[in-house]
Amino acid sequence: MTLLTELRLPVIGAPMFLLSSPELVIASCRAGILGSFPALNARTSEELDEWLTRIKAEVGERPFGVNLIVHPSNSRVEADLKVLARHKVPLVITSLGAVSELVKTVHDWGGQVFHDVVQRRHAEKAAQAGVDGIIAVCAGAGGHAGTQSPFALAAEIRQIFDGTLVLAGAISSGVDMACARLLGADAVYMGTRLINTLESAASLDYQQRIIESRASDVVYTDQVSGIPGNFLASSLAEAGVDPKGWGGKSVDLASELQPPEGGAKAWKHLWSAGQGVGQIADVLSVADLVDQLEGEYRSALNRAVTLTPTPG
């Protein structure tokens, strides 16, 4: 909890592939939430080093995080981890693999490790690896996501883990944040709502599509990276991707999730989004968004107090 106690709001900006830029991380940290980005958003480990130098200079002592894809197909894991160690990154968010040796390495420089999971068995492995926090990626989350209800997954994780619990999945407002806290989460993971900020790297077309979309416009498919996730159906159709063609796509994150030098692959236009898109109707600065979220969050908590049954 030491990373979260000084935050203005209990929000971690989810590391979004191609969308979480240094600008978004810096703006998030300055606004009072914890910004993060995927290491693979930087084209090389050398560029990752440059990004971290810039971010640390801009955010000072405020905590931020970097996501590492711990999967055999990601050939950059070791090199990127050395860069994170050099900068003593406060939070490392691991995906697709909970490794005790990596956790120890991060702990050695004073950092913490949060691991994202979609099922209880993944949470059990993460707890055994010694992680500090678990991110429950529930049904409706943008990008790579699970299919379980937050009511089910959060409760099962709490049965076997008493560390920091972060809840993800269609969280777009302060009301959603308050509900997550009532479910026992210490913080929330917010991704799709941050796509529609001035500091994100999303195109104007992407942001407009978010505004126009509803939950029914989001489809769950493994045809983008081989790992199941939520995407805007219209963007898949425009790229000729059939979301119903389930299975058969190999997982090769080294090629799929590495932005190439000097150009964009077709999947850059395969737009991920969570089911919370129906609540998003504008594009704000991160600072203005956090102001709005705080008002909604405080009001929701106050309403929850009024719902408490009186004795007798």
Protein backbone atom coordinates (compact mmCIF):
# COMPACT_ATOMS: atom_id res chain seq x y z
CA MET A 1 0.00 0.00 0.00
CA THR A 2 2.98 2.35 0.36
CA LEU A 3 2.79 3.16 -3.35
CA LEU A 4 -0.89 4.07 -3.10
CA THR A 5 -1.28 5.89 0.21
CA GLU A 6 0.05 9.22 -1.09
CA LEU A 7 -2.12 9.23 -4.21
CA ARG A 8 -4.97 11.70 -4.59
CA LEU A 9 -7.18 8.87 -5.85
CA PRO A 10 -6.65 5.09 -5.66
CA VAL A 11 -6.15 4.79 -9.41
CA ILE A 12 -3.45 3.12 -11.47
CA GLY A 13 -3.44 4.19 -15.10
CA ALA A 14 -3.28 0.86 -16.92
CA PRO A 15 -0.26 0.37 -19.21
CA MET A 16 -1.85 0.44 -22.68
CA PHE A 17 0.06 -0.81 -25.70
CA LEU A 18 0.91 2.04 -28.09
CA LEU A 19 -1.30 4.45 -26.10
CA SER A 20 0.48 5.03 -22.79
CA SER A 21 3.09 7.61 -23.66
CA PRO A 22 5.58 9.36 -21.36
CA GLU A 23 3.27 12.38 -21.60
CA LEU A 24 0.34 10.34 -20.26
CA VAL A 25 2.43 8.89 -17.42
CA ILE A 26 3.75 12.31 -16.41
CA ALA A 27 0.30 13.94 -16.54
CA SER A 28 -1.20 11.09 -14.51
CA CYS A 29 1.43 11.32 -11.78
CA ARG A 30 1.12 15.09 -11.58
CA ALA A 31 -2.68 14.82 -11.30
CA GLY A 32 -2.42 12.48 -8.33
CA ILE A 33 -2.85 9.00 -9.78
CA LEU A 34 -0.20 6.40 -10.61
CA GLY A 35 0.78 6.43 -14.28
CA SER A 36 2.29 3.43 -16.04
CA PHE A 37 3.30 2.25 -19.50
CA PRO A 38 4.39 -1.01 -21.19
CA ALA A 39 8.14 -1.36 -21.62
CA LEU A 40 7.47 -2.49 -25.19
CA ASN A 41 6.00 0.92 -26.08
CA ALA A 42 9.62 2.01 -26.32
CA ARG A 43 11.05 0.52 -29.53
CA THR A 44 14.29 -0.57 -27.85
CA SER A 45 15.74 -1.00 -24.38
CA GLU A 46 17.87 2.09 -25.10
CA GLU A 47 14.76 4.15 -25.80
CA LEU A 48 13.19 2.75 -22.63
CA ASP A 49 16.16 4.13 -20.73
CA GLU A 50 15.56 7.56 -22.31
CA TRP A 51 11.85 7.48 -21.42
CA LEU A 52 12.57 6.62 -17.79
CA THR A 53 15.16 9.39 -17.50
CA ARG A 54 12.60 11.89 -18.75
CA ILE A 55 9.73 10.58 -16.60
CA LYS A 56 11.79 10.61 -13.41
CA ALA A 57 12.93 14.16 -14.09
CA GLU A 58 9.32 15.29 -14.52
CA VAL A 59 7.51 13.42 -11.74
CA GLY A 60 10.08 13.70 -8.95
CA GLU A 61 9.27 11.37 -6.04
CA ARG A 62 5.82 10.47 -7.30
CA PRO A 63 5.40 6.72 -7.95
CA PHE A 64 4.95 5.34 -11.47
CA GLY A 65 5.01 1.91 -13.04
CA VAL A 66 6.33 -0.06 -16.00
CA ASN A 67 4.68 -3.19 -17.40
CA LEU A 68 6.86 -6.16 -18.31
CA ILE A 69 5.46 -8.97 -20.47
CA VAL A 70 7.02 -12.04 -18.82
CA HIS A 71 6.42 -14.47 -21.65
CA PRO A 72 8.99 -16.67 -23.43
CA SER A 73 8.30 -14.94 -26.74
CA ASN A 74 9.34 -11.54 -25.35
CA SER A 75 13.08 -11.51 -25.99
CA ARG A 76 13.54 -8.13 -24.29
CA VAL A 77 12.58 -9.12 -20.74
CA GLU A 78 16.12 -9.40 -19.35
CA ALA A 79 17.46 -6.29 -21.06
CA ASP A 80 14.45 -4.21 -20.05
CA LEU A 81 14.63 -5.46 -16.46
CA LYS A 82 18.22 -4.22 -16.24
CA VAL A 83 17.06 -0.79 -17.39
CA LEU A 84 14.31 -0.76 -14.75
CA ALA A 85 16.85 -1.75 -12.11
CA ARG A 86 19.16 1.08 -13.12
CA HIS A 87 16.32 3.57 -12.64
CA LYS A 88 14.91 1.83 -9.54
CA VAL A 89 11.39 1.93 -10.95
CA PRO A 90 8.93 2.02 -8.01
CA LEU A 91 6.36 -0.38 -9.51
CA VAL A 92 6.82 -3.21 -11.97
CA ILE A 93 3.59 -4.66 -13.36
CA THR A 94 4.12 -8.18 -14.70
CA SER A 95 1.89 -9.97 -17.19
CA LEU A 96 1.78 -13.50 -18.58
CA GLY A 97 4.12 -14.97 -16.01
CA ALA A 98 4.80 -14.59 -12.28
CA VAL A 99 8.48 -15.28 -11.61
CA SER A 100 9.88 -15.31 -8.07
CA GLU A 101 13.40 -14.45 -9.25
CA LEU A 102 12.09 -11.32 -10.96
CA VAL A 103 10.15 -10.35 -7.84
CA LYS A 104 13.30 -10.69 -5.74
CA THR A 105 15.27 -8.55 -8.19
CA VAL A 106 12.69 -5.76 -7.98
CA HIS A 107 12.55 -6.02 -4.19
CA ASP A 108 16.34 -5.74 -4.06
CA TRP A 109 16.19 -2.22 -5.50
CA GLY A 110 13.23 -1.27 -3.28
CA GLY A 111 10.49 -1.61 -5.87
CA GLN A 112 7.21 -3.47 -5.73
CA VAL A 113 5.65 -5.98 -8.12
CA PHE A 114 1.98 -6.17 -9.04
CA HIS A 115 0.87 -9.05 -11.26
CA ASP A 116 -2.26 -9.09 -13.41
CA VAL A 117 -4.43 -12.19 -13.41
CA VAL A 118 -7.72 -13.35 -14.93
CA GLN A 119 -8.30 -16.45 -12.79
CA ARG A 120 -7.78 -17.60 -9.22
CA ARG A 121 -5.11 -20.14 -10.17
CA HIS A 122 -3.04 -17.33 -11.68
CA ALA A 123 -3.45 -15.38 -8.44
CA GLU A 124 -2.27 -18.39 -6.44
CA LYS A 125 0.89 -18.63 -8.54
CA ALA A 126 1.50 -14.90 -8.18
CA ALA A 127 1.09 -15.08 -4.41
CA GLN A 128 3.57 -17.97 -4.28
CA ALA A 129 6.03 -15.90 -6.30
CA GLY A 130 5.89 -13.22 -3.59
CA VAL A 131 4.24 -10.35 -5.47
CA ASP A 132 3.13 -7.28 -3.51
CA GLY A 133 -0.12 -6.79 -5.36
CA ILE A 134 -2.52 -8.63 -7.65
CA ILE A 135 -4.49 -6.95 -10.41
CA ALA A 136 -7.78 -8.75 -11.04
CA VAL A 137 -8.51 -8.20 -14.73
CA CYS A 138 -12.21 -9.00 -14.89
CA ALA A 139 -14.84 -9.24 -17.61
CA GLY A 140 -15.20 -6.09 -19.67
CA ALA A 141 -11.62 -4.82 -19.32
CA GLY A 142 -10.00 -3.36 -22.41
CA GLY A 143 -7.18 -5.18 -24.15
CA HIS A 144 -6.12 -8.59 -22.80
CA ALA A 145 -8.85 -9.48 -20.30
CA GLY A 146 -10.61 -12.26 -18.48
CA THR A 147 -14.23 -13.34 -18.45
CA GLN A 148 -15.02 -13.58 -14.73
CA SER A 149 -17.24 -11.19 -12.80
CA PRO A 150 -15.43 -8.84 -10.41
CA PHE A 151 -17.76 -10.09 -7.65
CA ALA A 152 -16.44 -13.62 -8.16
CA LEU A 153 -12.78 -12.97 -8.92
CA ALA A 154 -12.12 -10.35 -6.23
CA ALA A 155 -13.73 -12.51 -3.55
CA GLU A 156 -11.74 -15.61 -4.53
CA ILE A 157 -8.46 -13.69 -4.61
CA ARG A 158 -9.13 -12.30 -1.13
CA GLN A 159 -9.47 -15.88 0.13
CA ILE A 160 -5.82 -16.59 -0.68
CA PHE A 161 -4.09 -13.17 -0.79
CA ASP A 162 -4.02 -10.32 1.73
CA GLY A 163 -1.71 -7.99 -0.19
CA THR A 164 -2.74 -5.07 -2.39
CA LEU A 165 -5.71 -5.89 -4.62
CA VAL A 166 -6.36 -3.81 -7.73
CA LEU A 167 -9.59 -4.26 -9.70
CA ALA A 168 -9.82 -3.83 -13.47
CA GLY A 169 -12.75 -4.10 -15.86
CA ALA A 170 -15.05 -1.39 -17.30
CA ILE A 171 -14.05 1.19 -14.69
CA SER A 172 -14.76 4.58 -16.23
CA SER A 173 -16.13 6.76 -13.42
CA GLY A 174 -15.76 7.64 -9.77
CA VAL A 175 -18.87 5.59 -9.05
CA ASP A 176 -17.14 2.53 -10.51
CA MET A 177 -14.14 3.25 -8.30
CA ALA A 178 -16.30 3.42 -5.17
CA CYS A 179 -17.96 0.11 -6.05
CA ALA A 180 -14.54 -1.51 -6.47
CA ARG A 181 -13.48 -0.30 -3.02
CA LEU A 182 -16.67 -1.75 -1.51
CA LEU A 183 -15.76 -5.08 -3.12
CA GLY A 184 -12.52 -5.05 -1.15
CA ALA A 185 -10.12 -3.60 -3.73
CA ASP A 186 -7.42 -1.19 -2.59
CA ALA A 187 -7.29 0.55 -5.95
CA VAL A 188 -8.58 0.37 -9.50
CA TYR A 189 -6.93 -0.07 -12.88
CA MET A 190 -8.22 2.47 -15.40
CA GLY A 191 -7.40 2.12 -19.07
CA THR A 192 -10.11 2.90 -21.62
CA ARG A 193 -11.15 6.14 -19.90
CA LEU A 194 -7.56 7.39 -20.20
CA ILE A 195 -7.54 6.72 -23.95
CA ASN A 196 -9.76 9.78 -24.28
CA THR A 197 -7.36 12.23 -22.70
CA LEU A 198 -5.32 14.93 -24.39
CA GLU A 199 -2.08 13.28 -23.28
CA SER A 200 -2.73 9.78 -24.61
CA ALA A 201 -1.17 8.69 -27.89
CA ALA A 202 -4.55 7.69 -29.36
CA SER A 203 -5.52 9.22 -32.68
CA LEU A 204 -8.50 11.57 -32.93
CA ASP A 205 -10.34 8.90 -34.94
CA TYR A 206 -9.77 6.37 -32.19
CA GLN A 207 -11.03 8.77 -29.52
CA GLN A 208 -14.11 9.65 -31.56
CA ARG A 209 -14.88 5.96 -32.01
CA ILE A 210 -14.69 5.53 -28.23
CA ILE A 211 -17.23 8.34 -27.82
CA GLU A 212 -19.58 6.77 -30.37
CA SER A 213 -19.34 3.22 -28.95
CA ARG A 214 -21.38 1.32 -26.41
CA ALA A 215 -20.65 -1.90 -24.53
CA SER A 216 -22.34 -3.91 -27.30
CA ASP A 217 -19.73 -2.59 -29.77
CA VAL A 218 -16.91 -4.34 -27.88
CA VAL A 219 -16.01 -7.92 -28.87
CA TYR A 220 -13.87 -10.50 -27.09
CA THR A 221 -11.44 -12.27 -29.43
CA ASP A 222 -7.99 -13.87 -29.61
CA GLN A 223 -7.46 -12.91 -33.24
CA VAL A 224 -5.31 -9.84 -32.60
CA SER A 225 -2.38 -11.20 -30.58
CA GLY A 226 -3.39 -14.78 -29.90
CA ILE A 227 -4.39 -13.86 -26.36
CA PRO A 228 -8.10 -13.16 -25.69
CA GLY A 229 -8.97 -9.51 -25.34
CA ASN A 230 -11.61 -6.84 -25.90
CA PHE A 231 -11.57 -4.68 -29.02
CA LEU A 232 -13.90 -2.35 -30.89
CA ALA A 233 -15.73 -4.53 -33.40
CA SER A 234 -15.81 -1.81 -36.04
CA SER A 235 -12.02 -1.46 -36.09
CA LEU A 236 -11.63 -5.22 -36.56
CA ALA A 237 -14.14 -5.25 -39.41
CA GLU A 238 -12.32 -2.39 -41.17
CA ALA A 239 -9.05 -4.33 -40.91
CA GLY A 240 -10.61 -7.56 -42.19
CA VAL A 241 -10.25 -9.40 -38.88
CA ASP A 242 -12.96 -11.93 -38.08
CA PRO A 243 -13.39 -11.91 -34.27
CA LYS A 244 -15.28 -15.22 -34.44
CA GLY A 245 -12.30 -17.07 -35.92
CA TRP A 246 -11.32 -18.27 -32.45
CA GLY A 247 -8.07 -20.14 -31.94
CA GLY A 248 -5.27 -20.95 -34.30
CA LYS A 249 -3.34 -17.68 -33.92
CA SER A 250 0.04 -18.25 -32.32
CA VAL A 251 1.25 -16.04 -29.49
CA ASP A 252 4.45 -14.31 -30.55
CA LEU A 253 4.69 -11.16 -28.48
CA ALA A 254 8.21 -10.43 -29.66
CA SER A 255 6.79 -9.54 -33.08
CA GLU A 256 3.17 -8.71 -32.29
CA LEU A 257 3.76 -6.28 -29.43
CA GLN A 258 6.97 -4.58 -30.48
CA PRO A 259 6.45 -1.24 -32.26
CA PRO A 260 8.65 -1.43 -35.35
CA GLU A 261 11.20 1.20 -36.29
CA GLY A 262 9.94 3.56 -38.94
CA GLY A 263 6.36 2.38 -39.37
CA ALA A 264 3.17 0.91 -37.99
CA LYS A 265 1.79 -2.55 -38.43
CA ALA A 266 -1.82 -3.09 -39.45
CA TRP A 267 -2.79 -4.00 -35.89
CA LYS A 268 -2.07 -0.45 -34.80
CA HIS A 269 -5.56 0.24 -36.10
CA LEU A 270 -7.12 -2.68 -34.23
CA TRP A 271 -8.45 -0.60 -31.38
CA SER A 272 -8.83 -2.10 -27.92
CA ALA A 273 -11.50 -0.86 -25.55
CA GLY A 274 -13.35 -1.99 -22.46
CA GLN A 275 -17.08 -2.28 -21.96
CA GLY A 276 -17.10 1.01 -20.05
CA VAL A 277 -17.03 2.96 -23.35
CA GLY A 278 -20.72 3.82 -22.97
CA GLN A 279 -19.82 6.21 -20.14
CA ILE A 280 -17.24 8.16 -22.17
CA ALA A 281 -18.52 11.19 -24.07
CA ASP A 282 -15.56 13.57 -24.27
CA VAL A 283 -11.79 14.06 -24.40
CA LEU A 284 -10.31 15.77 -21.34
CA SER A 285 -6.89 16.58 -20.00
CA VAL A 286 -5.78 14.09 -17.35
CA ALA A 287 -5.92 16.86 -14.75
CA ASP A 288 -9.54 17.69 -15.58
CA LEU A 289 -10.47 14.01 -15.70
CA VAL A 290 -9.02 13.39 -12.23
CA ASP A 291 -10.94 16.40 -10.90
CA GLN A 292 -14.13 14.91 -12.32
CA LEU A 293 -13.37 11.42 -11.00
CA GLU A 294 -12.69 12.76 -7.51
CA GLY A 295 -16.05 14.51 -7.37
CA GLU A 296 -17.88 11.39 -8.56
CA TYR A 297 -15.92 9.17 -6.16
CA ARG A 298 -16.57 11.29 -3.06
CA SER A 299 -20.28 11.61 -3.91
CA ALA A 300 -20.60 7.85 -4.42
CA LEU A 301 -18.93 7.10 -1.08
CA ASN A 302 -21.24 9.57 0.65
CA ARG A 303 -24.27 7.86 -0.90
CA ALA A 304 -22.97 4.51 0.29
CA VAL A 305 -22.91 5.82 3.85
CA THR A 306 -26.58 6.87 3.62
CA LEU A 307 -27.49 3.34 2.55
CA THR A 308 -26.13 1.85 5.77
CA PRO A 309 -29.04 0.36 7.76
CA THR A 310 -29.72 2.08 11.06
CA PRO A 311 -29.75 -0.08 14.21
CA GLY A 312 -33.21 -1.31 15.19
